[in-house]
Amino acid sequence: MKYTPGPWEASNGNIWTEGEQVFVAMTNDVPIGDSLKNAELIAAAPEMYEALRNLENDNGIIPDHAWQMVQNAINKAEGKNDSQT
């Protein structure tokens, strides 16, 4: 999967990596505090994606419903829908 490599940092509602702007999370329709929190969540996305991709459930220790949530999140990040899994 291709995306702008992390780590990403949130600053004033914008997402940055290595001094380059990646994404602007500010909108007029969202309160400033929400926009800043949205930016922080978006900035964490590359690390969260990598963490989920590296999870293993070979011994079945992760409950089925939680493992399905992991798989759904990975598929969503990769632009796949449920029928493509």
PDB file of N, CA and C in Angstrom:
ATOM      1  N   MET A   1       0.843  -1.170   0.000  1.00  0.00           N
ATOM      2  CA  MET A   1       0.000   0.000   0.000  1.00  0.00           C
ATOM      3  C   MET A   1       0.889   1.233   0.000  1.00  0.00           C
ATOM      4  N   LYS A   2       0.522   2.214  -0.789  1.00  0.00           N
ATOM      5  CA  LYS A   2       1.306   3.445  -0.859  1.00  0.00           C
ATOM      6  C   LYS A   2       0.577   4.563  -0.144  1.00  0.00           C
ATOM      7  N   TYR A   3       1.314   5.272   0.695  1.00  0.00           N
ATOM      8  CA  TYR A   3       0.822   6.480   1.354  1.00  0.00           C
ATOM      9  C   TYR A   3       2.050   7.270   1.761  1.00  0.00           C
ATOM     10  N   THR A   4       1.860   8.497   2.161  1.00  0.00           N
ATOM     11  CA  THR A   4       2.985   9.314   2.606  1.00  0.00           C
ATOM     12  C   THR A   4       3.572   8.682   3.856  1.00  0.00           C
ATOM     13  N   PRO A   5       4.845   8.299   3.834  1.00  0.00           N
ATOM     14  CA  PRO A   5       5.424   7.622   5.000  1.00  0.00           C
ATOM     15  C   PRO A   5       5.386   8.489   6.248  1.00  0.00           C
ATOM     16  N   GLY A   6       5.218   7.833   7.385  1.00  0.00           N
ATOM     17  CA  GLY A   6       5.254   8.517   8.679  1.00  0.00           C
ATOM     18  C   GLY A   6       6.679   8.628   9.153  1.00  0.00           C
ATOM     19  N   PRO A   7       6.907   9.112  10.320  1.00  0.00           N
ATOM     20  CA  PRO A   7       5.855   9.516  11.236  1.00  0.00           C
ATOM     21  C   PRO A   7       5.229  10.846  10.819  1.00  0.00           C
ATOM     22  N   TRP A   8       3.962  10.982  11.121  1.00  0.00           N
ATOM     23  CA  TRP A   8       3.237  12.218  10.882  1.00  0.00           C
ATOM     24  C   TRP A   8       3.096  12.943  12.209  1.00  0.00           C
ATOM     25  N   GLU A   9       3.055  14.249  12.154  1.00  0.00           N
ATOM     26  CA  GLU A   9       2.874  15.091  13.342  1.00  0.00           C
ATOM     27  C   GLU A   9       1.698  16.026  13.109  1.00  0.00           C
ATOM     28  N   ALA A  10       0.927  16.273  14.144  1.00  0.00           N
ATOM     29  CA  ALA A  10      -0.188  17.219  14.073  1.00  0.00           C
ATOM     30  C   ALA A  10       0.266  18.550  14.646  1.00  0.00           C
ATOM     31  N   SER A  11      -0.038  19.630  13.923  1.00  0.00           N
ATOM     32  CA  SER A  11       0.295  20.968  14.391  1.00  0.00           C
ATOM     33  C   SER A  11      -0.749  21.942  13.874  1.00  0.00           C
ATOM     34  N   ASN A  12      -1.474  22.570  14.793  1.00  0.00           N
ATOM     35  CA  ASN A  12      -2.493  23.559  14.441  1.00  0.00           C
ATOM     36  C   ASN A  12      -3.526  23.032  13.459  1.00  0.00           C
ATOM     37  N   GLY A  13      -3.895  21.765  13.600  1.00  0.00           N
ATOM     38  CA  GLY A  13      -4.911  21.187  12.731  1.00  0.00           C
ATOM     39  C   GLY A  13      -4.390  20.694  11.403  1.00  0.00           C
ATOM     40  N   ASN A  14      -3.101  20.772  11.173  1.00  0.00           N
ATOM     41  CA  ASN A  14      -2.493  20.291   9.941  1.00  0.00           C
ATOM     42  C   ASN A  14      -1.638  19.074  10.246  1.00  0.00           C
ATOM     43  N   ILE A  15      -1.407  18.240   9.239  1.00  0.00           N
ATOM     44  CA  ILE A  15      -0.584  17.055   9.388  1.00  0.00           C
ATOM     45  C   ILE A  15       0.701  17.270   8.588  1.00  0.00           C
ATOM     46  N   TRP A  16       1.830  16.989   9.223  1.00  0.00           N
ATOM     47  CA  TRP A  16       3.144  17.231   8.630  1.00  0.00           C
ATOM     48  C   TRP A  16       4.011  15.980   8.725  1.00  0.00           C
ATOM     49  N   THR A  17       4.899  15.825   7.765  1.00  0.00           N
ATOM     50  CA  THR A  17       5.957  14.832   7.857  1.00  0.00           C
ATOM     51  C   THR A  17       7.207  15.421   7.242  1.00  0.00           C
ATOM     52  N   GLU A  18       8.280  15.347   7.975  1.00  0.00           N
ATOM     53  CA  GLU A  18       9.580  15.866   7.522  1.00  0.00           C
ATOM     54  C   GLU A  18       9.462  17.271   6.941  1.00  0.00           C
ATOM     55  N   GLY A  19       8.706  18.121   7.596  1.00  0.00           N
ATOM     56  CA  GLY A  19       8.584  19.509   7.179  1.00  0.00           C
ATOM     57  C   GLY A  19       7.653  19.750   6.007  1.00  0.00           C
ATOM     58  N   GLU A  20       7.054  18.704   5.481  1.00  0.00           N
ATOM     59  CA  GLU A  20       6.125  18.829   4.356  1.00  0.00           C
ATOM     60  C   GLU A  20       4.702  18.619   4.855  1.00  0.00           C
ATOM     61  N   GLN A  21       3.796  19.464   4.376  1.00  0.00           N
ATOM     62  CA  GLN A  21       2.400  19.313   4.774  1.00  0.00           C
ATOM     63  C   GLN A  21       1.789  18.125   4.043  1.00  0.00           C
ATOM     64  N   VAL A  22       1.124  17.263   4.806  1.00  0.00           N
ATOM     65  CA  VAL A  22       0.486  16.071   4.256  1.00  0.00           C
ATOM     66  C   VAL A  22      -1.009  16.294   4.079  1.00  0.00           C
ATOM     67  N   PHE A  23      -1.636  16.936   5.061  1.00  0.00           N
ATOM     68  CA  PHE A  23      -3.090  17.015   5.096  1.00  0.00           C
ATOM     69  C   PHE A  23      -3.502  18.204   5.945  1.00  0.00           C
ATOM     70  N   VAL A  24      -4.595  18.855   5.569  1.00  0.00           N
ATOM     71  CA  VAL A  24      -5.177  19.922   6.370  1.00  0.00           C
ATOM     72  C   VAL A  24      -6.487  19.415   6.943  1.00  0.00           C
ATOM     73  N   ALA A  25      -6.579  19.371   8.260  1.00  0.00           N
ATOM     74  CA  ALA A  25      -7.761  18.816   8.918  1.00  0.00           C
ATOM     75  C   ALA A  25      -8.757  19.877   9.359  1.00  0.00           C
ATOM     76  N   MET A  26      -8.483  21.133   9.129  1.00  0.00           N
ATOM     77  CA  MET A  26      -9.360  22.205   9.579  1.00  0.00           C
ATOM     78  C   MET A  26     -10.494  22.421   8.580  1.00  0.00           C
ATOM     79  N   THR A  27     -11.703  22.604   9.096  1.00  0.00           N
ATOM     80  CA  THR A  27     -12.839  22.973   8.263  1.00  0.00           C
ATOM     81  C   THR A  27     -13.649  24.029   9.000  1.00  0.00           C
ATOM     82  N   ASN A  28     -14.483  24.727   8.297  1.00  0.00           N
ATOM     83  CA  ASN A  28     -15.332  25.738   8.921  1.00  0.00           C
ATOM     84  C   ASN A  28     -16.499  25.116   9.672  1.00  0.00           C
ATOM     85  N   ASP A  29     -16.839  23.874   9.335  1.00  0.00           N
ATOM     86  CA  ASP A  29     -18.016  23.227   9.910  1.00  0.00           C
ATOM     87  C   ASP A  29     -17.737  22.512  11.227  1.00  0.00           C
ATOM     88  N   VAL A  30     -16.482  22.411  11.633  1.00  0.00           N
ATOM     89  CA  VAL A  30     -16.099  21.644  12.825  1.00  0.00           C
ATOM     90  C   VAL A  30     -15.455  22.597  13.830  1.00  0.00           C
ATOM     91  N   PRO A  31     -15.844  22.515  15.087  1.00  0.00           N
ATOM     92  CA  PRO A  31     -15.202  23.368  16.090  1.00  0.00           C
ATOM     93  C   PRO A  31     -13.690  23.156  16.123  1.00  0.00           C
ATOM     94  N   ILE A  32     -12.942  24.211  16.404  1.00  0.00           N
ATOM     95  CA  ILE A  32     -11.479  24.161  16.369  1.00  0.00           C
ATOM     96  C   ILE A  32     -10.924  23.043  17.247  1.00  0.00           C
ATOM     97  N   GLY A  33     -11.481  22.834  18.413  1.00  0.00           N
ATOM     98  CA  GLY A  33     -10.996  21.766  19.291  1.00  0.00           C
ATOM     99  C   GLY A  33     -11.169  20.398  18.656  1.00  0.00           C
ATOM    100  N   ASP A  34     -12.299  20.186  17.974  1.00  0.00           N
ATOM    101  CA  ASP A  34     -12.532  18.920  17.283  1.00  0.00           C
ATOM    102  C   ASP A  34     -11.556  18.752  16.129  1.00  0.00           C
ATOM    103  N   SER A  35     -11.299  19.818  15.388  1.00  0.00           N
ATOM    104  CA  SER A  35     -10.360  19.746  14.273  1.00  0.00           C
ATOM    105  C   SER A  35      -8.965  19.381  14.752  1.00  0.00           C
ATOM    106  N   LEU A  36      -8.552  19.937  15.875  1.00  0.00           N
ATOM    107  CA  LEU A  36      -7.225  19.620  16.406  1.00  0.00           C
ATOM    108  C   LEU A  36      -7.156  18.158  16.831  1.00  0.00           C
ATOM    109  N   LYS A  37      -8.203  17.658  17.472  1.00  0.00           N
ATOM    110  CA  LYS A  37      -8.245  16.243  17.857  1.00  0.00           C
ATOM    111  C   LYS A  37      -8.292  15.343  16.621  1.00  0.00           C
ATOM    112  N   ASN A  38      -9.042  15.753  15.600  1.00  0.00           N
ATOM    113  CA  ASN A  38      -9.069  14.987  14.349  1.00  0.00           C
ATOM    114  C   ASN A  38      -7.673  14.909  13.741  1.00  0.00           C
ATOM    115  N   ALA A  39      -6.954  16.020  13.764  1.00  0.00           N
ATOM    116  CA  ALA A  39      -5.596  16.037  13.215  1.00  0.00           C
ATOM    117  C   ALA A  39      -4.686  15.084  13.980  1.00  0.00           C
ATOM    118  N   GLU A  40      -4.819  15.039  15.301  1.00  0.00           N
ATOM    119  CA  GLU A  40      -3.993  14.133  16.102  1.00  0.00           C
ATOM    120  C   GLU A  40      -4.298  12.677  15.754  1.00  0.00           C
ATOM    121  N   LEU A  41      -5.575  12.359  15.564  1.00  0.00           N
ATOM    122  CA  LEU A  41      -5.962  11.003  15.198  1.00  0.00           C
ATOM    123  C   LEU A  41      -5.424  10.637  13.815  1.00  0.00           C
ATOM    124  N   ILE A  42      -5.571  11.547  12.868  1.00  0.00           N
ATOM    125  CA  ILE A  42      -5.073  11.301  11.517  1.00  0.00           C
ATOM    126  C   ILE A  42      -3.554  11.133  11.531  1.00  0.00           C
ATOM    127  N   ALA A  43      -2.867  11.943  12.312  1.00  0.00           N
ATOM    128  CA  ALA A  43      -1.401  11.847  12.383  1.00  0.00           C
ATOM    129  C   ALA A  43      -0.949  10.504  12.926  1.00  0.00           C
ATOM    130  N   ALA A  44      -1.761   9.873  13.762  1.00  0.00           N
ATOM    131  CA  ALA A  44      -1.412   8.568  14.329  1.00  0.00           C
ATOM    132  C   ALA A  44      -1.720   7.419  13.363  1.00  0.00           C
ATOM    133  N   ALA A  45      -2.413   7.693  12.274  1.00  0.00           N
ATOM    134  CA  ALA A  45      -2.880   6.636  11.375  1.00  0.00           C
ATOM    135  C   ALA A  45      -1.760   5.736  10.845  1.00  0.00           C
ATOM    136  N   PRO A  46      -0.630   6.251  10.368  1.00  0.00           N
ATOM    137  CA  PRO A  46       0.395   5.331   9.857  1.00  0.00           C
ATOM    138  C   PRO A  46       0.891   4.334  10.901  1.00  0.00           C
ATOM    139  N   GLU A  47       1.092   4.804  12.141  1.00  0.00           N
ATOM    140  CA  GLU A  47       1.562   3.895  13.191  1.00  0.00           C
ATOM    141  C   GLU A  47       0.480   2.885  13.570  1.00  0.00           C
ATOM    142  N   MET A  48      -0.779   3.338  13.609  1.00  0.00           N
ATOM    143  CA  MET A  48      -1.867   2.411  13.937  1.00  0.00           C
ATOM    144  C   MET A  48      -2.012   1.359  12.842  1.00  0.00           C
ATOM    145  N   TYR A  49      -1.905   1.763  11.600  1.00  0.00           N
ATOM    146  CA  TYR A  49      -1.987   0.827  10.480  1.00  0.00           C
ATOM    147  C   TYR A  49      -0.882  -0.222  10.584  1.00  0.00           C
ATOM    148  N   GLU A  50       0.341   0.225  10.811  1.00  0.00           N
ATOM    149  CA  GLU A  50       1.457  -0.720  10.931  1.00  0.00           C
ATOM    150  C   GLU A  50       1.274  -1.659  12.114  1.00  0.00           C
ATOM    151  N   ALA A  51       0.782  -1.143  13.229  1.00  0.00           N
ATOM    152  CA  ALA A  51       0.556  -1.987  14.404  1.00  0.00           C
ATOM    153  C   ALA A  51      -0.482  -3.061  14.089  1.00  0.00           C
ATOM    154  N   LEU A  52      -1.571  -2.679  13.429  1.00  0.00           N
ATOM    155  CA  LEU A  52      -2.603  -3.656  13.088  1.00  0.00           C
ATOM    156  C   LEU A  52      -2.077  -4.692  12.093  1.00  0.00           C
ATOM    157  N   ARG A  53      -1.297  -4.246  11.119  1.00  0.00           N
ATOM    158  CA  ARG A  53      -0.741  -5.172  10.124  1.00  0.00           C
ATOM    159  C   ARG A  53       0.199  -6.187  10.770  1.00  0.00           C
ATOM    160  N   ASN A  54       0.812  -5.820  11.877  1.00  0.00           N
ATOM    161  CA  ASN A  54       1.773  -6.701  12.534  1.00  0.00           C
ATOM    162  C   ASN A  54       1.159  -7.595  13.606  1.00  0.00           C
ATOM    163  N   LEU A  55      -0.124  -7.423  13.878  1.00  0.00           N
ATOM    164  CA  LEU A  55      -0.786  -8.310  14.839  1.00  0.00           C
ATOM    165  C   LEU A  55      -0.916  -9.711  14.252  1.00  0.00           C
ATOM    166  N   GLU A  56      -0.751 -10.683  15.087  1.00  0.00           N
ATOM    167  CA  GLU A  56      -0.964 -12.073  14.686  1.00  0.00           C
ATOM    168  C   GLU A  56      -1.944 -12.703  15.666  1.00  0.00           C
ATOM    169  N   ASN A  57      -2.705 -13.631  15.154  1.00  0.00           N
ATOM    170  CA  ASN A  57      -3.677 -14.316  16.001  1.00  0.00           C
ATOM    171  C   ASN A  57      -3.596 -15.829  15.761  1.00  0.00           C
ATOM    172  N   ASP A  58      -2.375 -16.328  15.554  1.00  0.00           N
ATOM    173  CA  ASP A  58      -2.177 -17.743  15.251  1.00  0.00           C
ATOM    174  C   ASP A  58      -2.723 -18.652  16.342  1.00  0.00           C
ATOM    175  N   ASN A  59      -2.628 -18.218  17.592  1.00  0.00           N
ATOM    176  CA  ASN A  59      -3.089 -19.065  18.687  1.00  0.00           C
ATOM    177  C   ASN A  59      -4.528 -18.754  19.098  1.00  0.00           C
ATOM    178  N   GLY A  60      -5.198 -17.861  18.377  1.00  0.00           N
ATOM    179  CA  GLY A  60      -6.598 -17.559  18.631  1.00  0.00           C
ATOM    180  C   GLY A  60      -6.878 -16.839  19.936  1.00  0.00           C
ATOM    181  N   ILE A  61      -5.869 -16.166  20.474  1.00  0.00           N
ATOM    182  CA  ILE A  61      -6.021 -15.485  21.763  1.00  0.00           C
ATOM    183  C   ILE A  61      -6.877 -14.210  21.644  1.00  0.00           C
ATOM    184  N   ILE A  62      -6.877 -13.601  20.462  1.00  0.00           N
ATOM    185  CA  ILE A  62      -7.705 -12.409  20.242  1.00  0.00           C
ATOM    186  C   ILE A  62      -9.120 -12.895  19.931  1.00  0.00           C
ATOM    187  N   PRO A  63     -10.127 -12.412  20.680  1.00  0.00           N
ATOM    188  CA  PRO A  63     -11.509 -12.853  20.418  1.00  0.00           C
ATOM    189  C   PRO A  63     -11.917 -12.591  18.965  1.00  0.00           C
ATOM    190  N   ASP A  64     -12.767 -13.461  18.443  1.00  0.00           N
ATOM    191  CA  ASP A  64     -13.177 -13.372  17.034  1.00  0.00           C
ATOM    192  C   ASP A  64     -13.711 -11.997  16.663  1.00  0.00           C
ATOM    193  N   HIS A  65     -14.550 -11.408  17.519  1.00  0.00           N
ATOM    194  CA  HIS A  65     -15.134 -10.103  17.180  1.00  0.00           C
ATOM    195  C   HIS A  65     -14.052  -9.022  17.113  1.00  0.00           C
ATOM    196  N   ALA A  66     -13.064  -9.104  17.996  1.00  0.00           N
ATOM    197  CA  ALA A  66     -11.978  -8.120  17.984  1.00  0.00           C
ATOM    198  C   ALA A  66     -11.069  -8.338  16.779  1.00  0.00           C
ATOM    199  N   TRP A  67     -10.799  -9.596  16.433  1.00  0.00           N
ATOM    200  CA  TRP A  67      -9.962  -9.890  15.269  1.00  0.00           C
ATOM    201  C   TRP A  67     -10.651  -9.408  13.998  1.00  0.00           C
ATOM    202  N   GLN A  68     -11.978  -9.543  13.932  1.00  0.00           N
ATOM    203  CA  GLN A  68     -12.716  -9.057  12.769  1.00  0.00           C
ATOM    204  C   GLN A  68     -12.627  -7.531  12.682  1.00  0.00           C
ATOM    205  N   MET A  69     -12.655  -6.860  13.823  1.00  0.00           N
ATOM    206  CA  MET A  69     -12.498  -5.398  13.830  1.00  0.00           C
ATOM    207  C   MET A  69     -11.125  -5.006  13.282  1.00  0.00           C
ATOM    208  N   VAL A  70     -10.089  -5.741  13.660  1.00  0.00           N
ATOM    209  CA  VAL A  70      -8.734  -5.493  13.150  1.00  0.00           C
ATOM    210  C   VAL A  70      -8.725  -5.656  11.632  1.00  0.00           C
ATOM    211  N   GLN A  71      -9.276  -6.758  11.160  1.00  0.00           N
ATOM    212  CA  GLN A  71      -9.285  -7.012   9.719  1.00  0.00           C
ATOM    213  C   GLN A  71     -10.091  -5.961   8.968  1.00  0.00           C
ATOM    214  N   ASN A  72     -11.226  -5.552   9.517  1.00  0.00           N
ATOM    215  CA  ASN A  72     -12.049  -4.509   8.883  1.00  0.00           C
ATOM    216  C   ASN A  72     -11.303  -3.183   8.805  1.00  0.00           C
ATOM    217  N   ALA A  73     -10.583  -2.835   9.866  1.00  0.00           N
ATOM    218  CA  ALA A  73      -9.827  -1.577   9.872  1.00  0.00           C
ATOM    219  C   ALA A  73      -8.707  -1.614   8.833  1.00  0.00           C
ATOM    220  N   ILE A  74      -8.009  -2.736   8.733  1.00  0.00           N
ATOM    221  CA  ILE A  74      -6.953  -2.879   7.725  1.00  0.00           C
ATOM    222  C   ILE A  74      -7.547  -2.758   6.328  1.00  0.00           C
ATOM    223  N   ASN A  75      -8.644  -3.463   6.097  1.00  0.00           N
ATOM    224  CA  ASN A  75      -9.286  -3.401   4.775  1.00  0.00           C
ATOM    225  C   ASN A  75      -9.732  -1.995   4.432  1.00  0.00           C
ATOM    226  N   LYS A  76     -10.270  -1.282   5.399  1.00  0.00           N
ATOM    227  CA  LYS A  76     -10.709   0.100   5.161  1.00  0.00           C
ATOM    228  C   LYS A  76      -9.512   0.980   4.820  1.00  0.00           C
ATOM    229  N   ALA A  77      -8.422   0.813   5.553  1.00  0.00           N
ATOM    230  CA  ALA A  77      -7.219   1.604   5.290  1.00  0.00           C
ATOM    231  C   ALA A  77      -6.647   1.313   3.907  1.00  0.00           C
ATOM    232  N   GLU A  78      -6.831   0.088   3.442  1.00  0.00           N
ATOM    233  CA  GLU A  78      -6.305  -0.314   2.134  1.00  0.00           C
ATOM    234  C   GLU A  78      -7.307  -0.111   1.007  1.00  0.00           C
ATOM    235  N   GLY A  79      -8.467   0.484   1.331  1.00  0.00           N
ATOM    236  CA  GLY A  79      -9.463   0.784   0.305  1.00  0.00           C
ATOM    237  C   GLY A  79     -10.222  -0.435  -0.182  1.00  0.00           C
ATOM    238  N   LYS A  80     -10.242  -1.493   0.634  1.00  0.00           N
ATOM    239  CA  LYS A  80     -10.971  -2.703   0.277  1.00  0.00           C
ATOM    240  C   LYS A  80     -12.302  -2.705   1.014  1.00  0.00           C
ATOM    241  N   ASN A  81     -13.337  -3.226   0.366  1.00  0.00           N
ATOM    242  CA  ASN A  81     -14.601  -3.382   1.075  1.00  0.00           C
ATOM    243  C   ASN A  81     -14.722  -4.822   1.546  1.00  0.00           C
ATOM    244  N   ASP A  82     -15.764  -5.133   2.300  1.00  0.00           N
ATOM    245  CA  ASP A  82     -15.930  -6.463   2.901  1.00  0.00           C
ATOM    246  C   ASP A  82     -15.948  -7.581   1.860  1.00  0.00           C
ATOM    247  N   SER A  83     -16.466  -7.325   0.681  1.00  0.00           N
ATOM    248  CA  SER A  83     -16.565  -8.379  -0.338  1.00  0.00           C
ATOM    249  C   SER A  83     -15.218  -8.709  -0.954  1.00  0.00           C
ATOM    250  N   GLN A  84     -14.200  -7.882  -0.713  1.00  0.00           N
ATOM    251  CA  GLN A  84     -12.869  -8.116  -1.273  1.00  0.00           C
ATOM    252  C   GLN A  84     -11.945  -8.818  -0.313  1.00  0.00           C
ATOM    253  N   THR A  85     -12.368  -9.152   0.902  1.00  0.00           N
ATOM    254  CA  THR A  85     -11.482  -9.754   1.895  1.00  0.00           C
ATOM    255  C   THR A  85     -11.278 -11.225   1.655  1.00  0.00           C
TER     256      THR A  85
END
